[in-house]
Amino acid sequence: MNVLICENLVEIQNVFKTRPLRSVDIEMIKDIGLFNLESIGSTEVEMLNYLTCTTRKGALQHIPSWERVPDWFCYKSSMGNSELSITIPPHLNLKIRGLNACVVYAQDKVRDEGLKFYTGAPILHISNETKDLKWTYVPATIGFPKKKEHMLWLSHWRFANDELEGGDEIRVSVRDEIRVPGRDEFDMLTKEFGI
């Protein structure tokens, strides 16, 4: 199947689906940690779809004025650090159903000292060092932040088979491995990320 330059593509079954946050199932919204949908606004941004190599203007749901990872994320990177190592606290009667990740990024026009810069999109890498499991998430679609604005990217990973348990050591990193086609002038700056 050739999906290149298909500007109207919004879904490939079992690969990706682009839809308004308000239409996401309520359990997923709770899993991500968004309980107050009234606080979610909408703004027009330029979106890039890596699968189709197209860009388009579109409404992106966002959480206004969030330039930092929200407080409900237990583990956060320090400014400029692109990797976290975490030991999952043991809980005798709790099963881990998923993992939430949040990345705050911006354009690099104002280069803050000591921060990591990438030419491309954020890519999440998670490895369970205890069980030798690795996951990588490459977003199919990203938004380009406007100058002096931030983007908050939320991701929820569902687990079903004890992929992550109390006592496991995990390593989480945000890297840039995909170049933004035709966007050499766009440098992405990861301000902070959290789990």
C-alpha atoms as a PDB file:
ATOM      1  CA  MET A   1       0.000   0.000   0.000  1.00  0.00           C
ATOM      2  CA  ASN A   2       1.400   3.386  -0.979  1.00  0.00           C
ATOM      3  CA  VAL A   3       0.255   6.146   1.368  1.00  0.00           C
ATOM      4  CA  LEU A   4       2.742   8.809   0.328  1.00  0.00           C
ATOM      5  CA  ILE A   5       1.327  12.257  -0.343  1.00  0.00           C
ATOM      6  CA  CYS A   6      -2.193  11.304   0.808  1.00  0.00           C
ATOM      7  CA  GLU A   7      -3.175  14.527   2.582  1.00  0.00           C
ATOM      8  CA  ASN A   8      -6.551  13.285   3.849  1.00  0.00           C
ATOM      9  CA  LEU A   9      -5.327  10.061   5.468  1.00  0.00           C
ATOM     10  CA  VAL A  10      -6.384   9.996   9.133  1.00  0.00           C
ATOM     11  CA  GLU A  11      -6.265   6.276   9.931  1.00  0.00           C
ATOM     12  CA  ILE A  12      -4.495   3.029   9.075  1.00  0.00           C
ATOM     13  CA  GLN A  13      -6.021   0.212  11.104  1.00  0.00           C
ATOM     14  CA  ASN A  14      -3.712  -0.989  13.899  1.00  0.00           C
ATOM     15  CA  VAL A  15      -1.079   1.618  12.939  1.00  0.00           C
ATOM     16  CA  PHE A  16      -2.446   5.072  13.775  1.00  0.00           C
ATOM     17  CA  LYS A  17      -5.611   7.099  14.049  1.00  0.00           C
ATOM     18  CA  THR A  18      -5.840  10.888  14.208  1.00  0.00           C
ATOM     19  CA  ARG A  19      -8.924  12.165  16.009  1.00  0.00           C
ATOM     20  CA  PRO A  20     -10.006  14.924  18.395  1.00  0.00           C
ATOM     21  CA  LEU A  21      -9.090  14.270  22.020  1.00  0.00           C
ATOM     22  CA  ARG A  22     -12.715  14.725  23.083  1.00  0.00           C
ATOM     23  CA  SER A  23     -13.674  11.694  20.962  1.00  0.00           C
ATOM     24  CA  VAL A  24     -11.138   9.360  22.616  1.00  0.00           C
ATOM     25  CA  ASP A  25     -12.746   6.748  24.859  1.00  0.00           C
ATOM     26  CA  ILE A  26     -13.231   7.889  28.448  1.00  0.00           C
ATOM     27  CA  GLU A  27     -11.075   5.074  29.902  1.00  0.00           C
ATOM     28  CA  MET A  28      -8.112   6.182  27.767  1.00  0.00           C
ATOM     29  CA  ILE A  29      -8.615   9.790  28.876  1.00  0.00           C
ATOM     30  CA  LYS A  30      -8.572   8.654  32.518  1.00  0.00           C
ATOM     31  CA  ASP A  31      -5.483   6.498  31.888  1.00  0.00           C
ATOM     32  CA  ILE A  32      -3.635   9.509  30.456  1.00  0.00           C
ATOM     33  CA  GLY A  33      -4.634  11.540  33.506  1.00  0.00           C
ATOM     34  CA  LEU A  34      -6.924  14.078  31.826  1.00  0.00           C
ATOM     35  CA  PHE A  35     -10.024  14.414  33.954  1.00  0.00           C
ATOM     36  CA  ASN A  36     -11.156  17.969  33.153  1.00  0.00           C
ATOM     37  CA  LEU A  37     -11.846  18.171  29.429  1.00  0.00           C
ATOM     38  CA  GLU A  38     -13.189  21.715  29.806  1.00  0.00           C
ATOM     39  CA  SER A  39      -9.581  22.890  30.241  1.00  0.00           C
ATOM     40  CA  ILE A  40      -8.651  21.527  26.823  1.00  0.00           C
ATOM     41  CA  GLY A  41      -8.638  24.175  24.121  1.00  0.00           C
ATOM     42  CA  SER A  42      -8.128  24.028  20.401  1.00  0.00           C
ATOM     43  CA  THR A  43      -5.700  25.907  18.208  1.00  0.00           C
ATOM     44  CA  GLU A  44      -4.696  25.703  14.567  1.00  0.00           C
ATOM     45  CA  VAL A  45      -1.224  24.289  14.035  1.00  0.00           C
ATOM     46  CA  GLU A  46       0.783  22.861  11.180  1.00  0.00           C
ATOM     47  CA  MET A  47       0.790  19.073  11.413  1.00  0.00           C
ATOM     48  CA  LEU A  48       3.263  16.682   9.792  1.00  0.00           C
ATOM     49  CA  ASN A  49       2.274  13.095   9.010  1.00  0.00           C
ATOM     50  CA  TYR A  50       5.384  10.892   8.720  1.00  0.00           C
ATOM     51  CA  LEU A  51       3.512   8.082   7.004  1.00  0.00           C
ATOM     52  CA  THR A  52       2.278  10.243   4.138  1.00  0.00           C
ATOM     53  CA  CYS A  53       5.099  12.842   4.133  1.00  0.00           C
ATOM     54  CA  THR A  54       2.494  15.600   4.041  1.00  0.00           C
ATOM     55  CA  THR A  55       1.795  18.673   6.119  1.00  0.00           C
ATOM     56  CA  ARG A  56      -1.512  20.382   6.686  1.00  0.00           C
ATOM     57  CA  LYS A  57      -3.113  22.978   8.893  1.00  0.00           C
ATOM     58  CA  GLY A  58      -5.429  21.478  11.444  1.00  0.00           C
ATOM     59  CA  ALA A  59      -7.029  21.955  14.813  1.00  0.00           C
ATOM     60  CA  LEU A  60      -4.906  20.464  17.568  1.00  0.00           C
ATOM     61  CA  GLN A  61      -6.322  19.940  21.026  1.00  0.00           C
ATOM     62  CA  HIS A  62      -4.016  21.251  23.631  1.00  0.00           C
ATOM     63  CA  ILE A  63      -3.846  22.026  27.283  1.00  0.00           C
ATOM     64  CA  PRO A  64      -3.374  25.777  27.543  1.00  0.00           C
ATOM     65  CA  SER A  65      -0.377  27.364  29.242  1.00  0.00           C
ATOM     66  CA  TRP A  66       1.439  24.116  29.970  1.00  0.00           C
ATOM     67  CA  GLU A  67       5.108  24.739  29.415  1.00  0.00           C
ATOM     68  CA  ARG A  68       6.088  21.993  31.824  1.00  0.00           C
ATOM     69  CA  VAL A  69       5.199  18.362  32.402  1.00  0.00           C
ATOM     70  CA  PRO A  70       1.998  18.228  34.537  1.00  0.00           C
ATOM     71  CA  ASP A  71       2.372  17.562  38.256  1.00  0.00           C
ATOM     72  CA  TRP A  72       0.667  14.155  38.137  1.00  0.00           C
ATOM     73  CA  PHE A  73       3.718  12.651  36.367  1.00  0.00           C
ATOM     74  CA  CYS A  74       5.816  11.060  39.131  1.00  0.00           C
ATOM     75  CA  TYR A  75       9.169  11.104  37.325  1.00  0.00           C
ATOM     76  CA  LYS A  76      10.427  14.087  35.330  1.00  0.00           C
ATOM     77  CA  SER A  77      13.625  14.807  33.473  1.00  0.00           C
ATOM     78  CA  SER A  78      15.695  17.749  34.571  1.00  0.00           C
ATOM     79  CA  MET A  79      16.149  20.507  32.014  1.00  0.00           C
ATOM     80  CA  GLY A  80      18.398  19.265  29.244  1.00  0.00           C
ATOM     81  CA  ASN A  81      18.486  15.646  30.406  1.00  0.00           C
ATOM     82  CA  SER A  82      17.223  13.283  27.703  1.00  0.00           C
ATOM     83  CA  GLU A  83      17.134  10.082  29.795  1.00  0.00           C
ATOM     84  CA  LEU A  84      15.521   8.832  33.010  1.00  0.00           C
ATOM     85  CA  SER A  85      16.281   5.662  34.973  1.00  0.00           C
ATOM     86  CA  ILE A  86      13.469   4.521  37.248  1.00  0.00           C
ATOM     87  CA  THR A  87      12.914   1.562  39.557  1.00  0.00           C
ATOM     88  CA  ILE A  88       9.189   0.814  39.685  1.00  0.00           C
ATOM     89  CA  PRO A  89       8.061   0.784  43.335  1.00  0.00           C
ATOM     90  CA  PRO A  90       6.735  -2.626  44.429  1.00  0.00           C
ATOM     91  CA  HIS A  91       2.974  -2.840  45.012  1.00  0.00           C
ATOM     92  CA  LEU A  92       1.817  -6.253  46.208  1.00  0.00           C
ATOM     93  CA  ASN A  93      -1.768  -6.170  44.953  1.00  0.00           C
ATOM     94  CA  LEU A  94      -1.543  -3.803  41.987  1.00  0.00           C
ATOM     95  CA  LYS A  95      -1.101  -4.749  38.349  1.00  0.00           C
ATOM     96  CA  ILE A  96       0.452  -2.140  36.061  1.00  0.00           C
ATOM     97  CA  ARG A  97      -1.951  -1.658  33.137  1.00  0.00           C
ATOM     98  CA  GLY A  98       0.006   0.973  31.263  1.00  0.00           C
ATOM     99  CA  LEU A  99       2.556   3.736  31.231  1.00  0.00           C
ATOM    100  CA  ASN A 100       1.931   7.432  30.573  1.00  0.00           C
ATOM    101  CA  ALA A 101       4.566   9.605  28.939  1.00  0.00           C
ATOM    102  CA  CYS A 102       4.615  13.351  28.349  1.00  0.00           C
ATOM    103  CA  VAL A 103       7.079  15.392  26.274  1.00  0.00           C
ATOM    104  CA  VAL A 104       7.155  19.194  26.221  1.00  0.00           C
ATOM    105  CA  TYR A 105       8.956  20.559  23.168  1.00  0.00           C
ATOM    106  CA  ALA A 106       9.395  23.869  21.361  1.00  0.00           C
ATOM    107  CA  GLN A 107      11.262  25.480  18.488  1.00  0.00           C
ATOM    108  CA  ASP A 108      14.855  26.313  19.298  1.00  0.00           C
ATOM    109  CA  LYS A 109      14.894  29.937  18.113  1.00  0.00           C
ATOM    110  CA  VAL A 110      15.838  30.936  21.642  1.00  0.00           C
ATOM    111  CA  ARG A 111      18.539  28.437  22.538  1.00  0.00           C
ATOM    112  CA  ASP A 112      18.596  27.881  26.274  1.00  0.00           C
ATOM    113  CA  GLU A 113      22.010  26.828  27.496  1.00  0.00           C
ATOM    114  CA  GLY A 114      22.421  23.174  28.421  1.00  0.00           C
ATOM    115  CA  LEU A 115      19.279  21.901  26.692  1.00  0.00           C
ATOM    116  CA  LYS A 116      19.208  19.145  24.089  1.00  0.00           C
ATOM    117  CA  PHE A 117      18.328  20.141  20.521  1.00  0.00           C
ATOM    118  CA  TYR A 118      17.144  17.892  17.734  1.00  0.00           C
ATOM    119  CA  THR A 119      16.334  18.376  14.092  1.00  0.00           C
ATOM    120  CA  GLY A 120      13.209  16.302  13.824  1.00  0.00           C
ATOM    121  CA  ALA A 121      10.478  14.885  16.006  1.00  0.00           C
ATOM    122  CA  PRO A 122      10.630  13.454  19.513  1.00  0.00           C
ATOM    123  CA  ILE A 123      10.821   9.665  19.657  1.00  0.00           C
ATOM    124  CA  LEU A 124      10.232   7.810  22.921  1.00  0.00           C
ATOM    125  CA  HIS A 125      12.372   4.817  23.852  1.00  0.00           C
ATOM    126  CA  ILE A 126      11.482   2.706  26.877  1.00  0.00           C
ATOM    127  CA  SER A 127      13.433  -0.342  27.976  1.00  0.00           C
ATOM    128  CA  ASN A 128      12.710  -2.660  30.856  1.00  0.00           C
ATOM    129  CA  GLU A 129      16.273  -3.435  31.905  1.00  0.00           C
ATOM    130  CA  THR A 130      15.111  -6.158  34.320  1.00  0.00           C
ATOM    131  CA  LYS A 131      13.213  -8.160  31.690  1.00  0.00           C
ATOM    132  CA  ASP A 132      15.249  -7.118  28.633  1.00  0.00           C
ATOM    133  CA  LEU A 133      12.199  -5.656  26.845  1.00  0.00           C
ATOM    134  CA  LYS A 134      12.323  -2.609  24.584  1.00  0.00           C
ATOM    135  CA  TRP A 135       9.623  -0.372  23.102  1.00  0.00           C
ATOM    136  CA  THR A 136       9.960   2.576  20.742  1.00  0.00           C
ATOM    137  CA  TYR A 137       7.191   4.998  19.895  1.00  0.00           C
ATOM    138  CA  VAL A 138       7.434   7.166  16.809  1.00  0.00           C
ATOM    139  CA  PRO A 139       4.436   9.458  16.477  1.00  0.00           C
ATOM    140  CA  ALA A 140       2.716   9.212  13.093  1.00  0.00           C
ATOM    141  CA  THR A 141       1.727  12.878  13.340  1.00  0.00           C
ATOM    142  CA  ILE A 142       3.331  15.763  15.215  1.00  0.00           C
ATOM    143  CA  GLY A 143       2.516  19.426  15.571  1.00  0.00           C
ATOM    144  CA  PHE A 144       5.017  22.183  14.837  1.00  0.00           C
ATOM    145  CA  PRO A 145       5.022  24.677  17.699  1.00  0.00           C
ATOM    146  CA  LYS A 146       4.922  28.340  16.771  1.00  0.00           C
ATOM    147  CA  LYS A 147       7.805  30.570  17.818  1.00  0.00           C
ATOM    148  CA  LYS A 148       7.954  31.023  21.591  1.00  0.00           C
ATOM    149  CA  GLU A 149       5.224  28.406  22.112  1.00  0.00           C
ATOM    150  CA  HIS A 150       5.377  24.884  23.500  1.00  0.00           C
ATOM    151  CA  MET A 151       3.760  21.616  22.483  1.00  0.00           C
ATOM    152  CA  LEU A 152       2.679  19.016  25.016  1.00  0.00           C
ATOM    153  CA  TRP A 153       2.710  15.483  23.588  1.00  0.00           C
ATOM    154  CA  LEU A 154       0.928  12.829  25.669  1.00  0.00           C
ATOM    155  CA  SER A 155       1.282   9.113  25.031  1.00  0.00           C
ATOM    156  CA  HIS A 156      -0.294   6.141  26.817  1.00  0.00           C
ATOM    157  CA  TRP A 157       1.117   2.621  26.430  1.00  0.00           C
ATOM    158  CA  ARG A 158      -1.189  -0.208  27.437  1.00  0.00           C
ATOM    159  CA  PHE A 159       0.255  -3.376  28.938  1.00  0.00           C
ATOM    160  CA  ALA A 160      -1.504  -6.734  29.228  1.00  0.00           C
ATOM    161  CA  ASN A 161       1.103  -9.391  30.070  1.00  0.00           C
ATOM    162  CA  ASP A 162       3.077  -8.125  33.080  1.00  0.00           C
ATOM    163  CA  GLU A 163       5.562  -6.332  30.831  1.00  0.00           C
ATOM    164  CA  LEU A 164       6.145  -3.958  33.738  1.00  0.00           C
ATOM    165  CA  GLU A 165       6.005  -4.938  37.428  1.00  0.00           C
ATOM    166  CA  GLY A 166       7.056  -3.513  40.765  1.00  0.00           C
ATOM    167  CA  GLY A 167      10.825  -3.762  41.228  1.00  0.00           C
ATOM    168  CA  ASP A 168      11.590  -3.557  37.492  1.00  0.00           C
ATOM    169  CA  GLU A 169      14.210  -1.029  36.418  1.00  0.00           C
ATOM    170  CA  ILE A 170      13.251   0.964  33.334  1.00  0.00           C
ATOM    171  CA  ARG A 171      15.150   3.445  31.219  1.00  0.00           C
ATOM    172  CA  VAL A 172      13.220   6.113  29.312  1.00  0.00           C
ATOM    173  CA  SER A 173      14.722   8.463  26.756  1.00  0.00           C
ATOM    174  CA  VAL A 174      13.597  11.015  24.207  1.00  0.00           C
ATOM    175  CA  ARG A 175      15.692  11.046  21.057  1.00  0.00           C
ATOM    176  CA  ASP A 176      15.597  12.404  17.541  1.00  0.00           C
ATOM    177  CA  GLU A 177      16.143   9.851  14.829  1.00  0.00           C
ATOM    178  CA  ILE A 178      13.717  10.946  12.132  1.00  0.00           C
ATOM    179  CA  ARG A 179      14.430  14.022  10.075  1.00  0.00           C
ATOM    180  CA  VAL A 180      11.471  16.225   9.294  1.00  0.00           C
ATOM    181  CA  PRO A 181      11.199  16.097   5.467  1.00  0.00           C
ATOM    182  CA  GLY A 182      11.700  19.536   3.963  1.00  0.00           C
ATOM    183  CA  ARG A 183      12.045  21.063   7.418  1.00  0.00           C
ATOM    184  CA  ASP A 184      15.770  21.524   7.863  1.00  0.00           C
ATOM    185  CA  GLU A 185      15.101  24.927   9.392  1.00  0.00           C
ATOM    186  CA  PHE A 186      13.033  23.352  12.193  1.00  0.00           C
ATOM    187  CA  ASP A 187      15.041  22.396  15.246  1.00  0.00           C
ATOM    188  CA  MET A 188      13.034  20.807  18.017  1.00  0.00           C
ATOM    189  CA  LEU A 189      13.957  21.464  21.606  1.00  0.00           C
ATOM    190  CA  THR A 190      12.858  19.014  24.277  1.00  0.00           C
ATOM    191  CA  LYS A 191      12.215  21.146  27.324  1.00  0.00           C
ATOM    192  CA  GLU A 192      11.184  18.341  29.659  1.00  0.00           C
ATOM    193  CA  PHE A 193       9.614  14.899  29.674  1.00  0.00           C
ATOM    194  CA  GLY A 194       7.970  12.753  32.288  1.00  0.00           C
ATOM    195  CA  ILE A 195       6.620   9.300  33.082  1.00  0.00           C
END
